[in-house]
Protein backbone atom coordinates (compact mmCIF):
# COMPACT_ATOMS: atom_id res chain seq x y z
CA MET A 1 0.04 0.09 0.17
CA TRP A 2 2.82 2.47 0.63
CA LYS A 3 3.91 2.37 -2.97
CA TYR A 4 0.45 3.72 -3.86
CA TYR A 5 0.69 6.52 -1.12
CA ALA A 6 4.21 7.34 -2.69
CA LEU A 7 2.97 7.66 -6.14
CA LEU A 8 0.19 9.70 -5.02
CA SER A 9 2.65 12.02 -3.19
CA ALA A 10 4.77 12.44 -6.32
CA PHE A 11 1.68 13.34 -8.35
CA PHE A 12 0.32 15.86 -6.05
CA ALA A 13 3.96 17.30 -5.55
CA ALA A 14 4.00 17.86 -9.41
CA LEU A 15 0.54 19.45 -9.27
CA THR A 16 1.91 21.67 -6.40
CA ALA A 17 4.74 22.80 -8.52
CA ILE A 18 2.41 23.55 -11.49
CA PHE A 19 -0.25 25.33 -9.66
CA ALA A 20 2.50 27.37 -7.76
CA LYS A 21 4.09 28.44 -10.81
CA ILE A 22 0.77 29.69 -12.43
CA GLY A 23 -0.51 31.03 -8.95
CA VAL A 24 2.49 33.02 -8.25
CA LYS A 25 2.43 34.89 -11.39
CA ASP A 26 0.61 37.87 -10.53
CA VAL A 27 1.26 37.85 -6.73
CA ASP A 28 3.95 38.57 -4.45
CA SER A 29 5.64 35.25 -3.63
CA ASP A 30 5.44 35.92 0.17
CA LEU A 31 1.82 36.52 0.13
CA ALA A 32 1.31 33.54 -2.22
CA THR A 33 3.09 31.33 0.33
CA ALA A 34 0.96 32.78 3.30
CA ILE A 35 -2.38 32.21 1.29
CA ARG A 36 -1.32 28.66 0.41
CA THR A 37 -0.12 27.99 3.98
CA THR A 38 -3.49 29.14 5.41
CA ILE A 39 -5.29 26.77 2.95
CA ILE A 40 -3.14 23.96 3.88
CA LEU A 41 -3.56 24.80 7.72
CA LEU A 42 -7.43 24.59 7.48
CA PHE A 43 -7.53 21.62 5.15
CA THR A 44 -4.97 19.49 7.45
CA TRP A 45 -7.04 20.76 10.71
CA GLY A 46 -10.35 19.63 9.05
CA ILE A 47 -9.26 16.33 8.43
CA ALA A 48 -7.60 16.00 11.97
CA LEU A 49 -10.98 17.13 13.49
CA VAL A 50 -13.32 15.11 11.28
CA GLY A 51 -11.08 12.02 11.88
CA THR A 52 -10.94 12.36 15.63
CA HIS A 53 -7.31 12.32 15.79
CA THR A 54 -6.92 15.51 18.06
CA SER A 55 -7.29 13.35 21.32
CA ASP A 56 -3.74 11.94 20.50
CA ILE A 57 -2.10 15.64 20.97
CA GLU A 58 -1.63 15.06 24.61
CA SER A 59 0.20 11.72 24.34
CA ILE A 60 2.77 13.33 21.92
CA PRO A 61 6.33 13.36 23.35
CA GLY A 62 8.45 16.52 23.74
CA HIS A 63 11.07 15.25 21.40
CA THR A 64 8.49 14.51 18.76
CA TRP A 65 6.86 18.01 19.13
CA LEU A 66 10.38 19.49 18.66
CA PHE A 67 11.14 17.70 15.61
CA LEU A 68 7.71 18.33 14.10
CA VAL A 69 8.18 22.10 14.91
CA LEU A 70 11.67 21.90 13.09
CA SER A 71 10.02 20.21 10.06
CA GLY A 72 7.37 22.66 9.89
CA ALA A 73 9.80 25.60 10.04
CA ALA A 74 12.00 24.00 7.42
CA THR A 75 8.85 23.38 5.27
CA GLY A 76 8.00 27.07 5.40
CA VAL A 77 11.40 28.18 4.65
CA SER A 78 11.48 25.87 1.85
CA TRP A 79 8.19 27.28 0.41
CA LEU A 80 9.33 30.74 0.60
CA PHE A 81 12.38 30.07 -1.35
CA CYS A 82 10.53 27.77 -3.73
CA PHE A 83 7.95 30.47 -4.44
CA LYS A 84 10.71 33.27 -4.68
CA ALA A 85 12.32 30.81 -7.33
CA LEU A 86 8.96 30.31 -9.31
CA GLN A 87 8.18 34.09 -9.52
C-alpha cells in the first residue's frame, strides 16, 4: 500500500509545483505562500478534527514536538524560497 501512497505523493507534489508557478505569476511570492499555507492549515486541521485524531495530541512526546516544529519551520522556509524561485 505504501507504494500507492508514494505515487500519489509524487503526483500531487508535481501538481503543487505546476499550480504554484501559475498562481504566483501575478502576486508577491510571500503573500502567495501565506495564502497557500492558510489553505493547507485549514484543510489539514479539518481532516484531523473530522477523523477525531486530535485526542492523541496530549500523548505526543516532547522530542516529537521538537522535530515536528523544526520540520514545519524547514517546510515554511523551503516554500518561501521555492515561491521566490518560481516568481
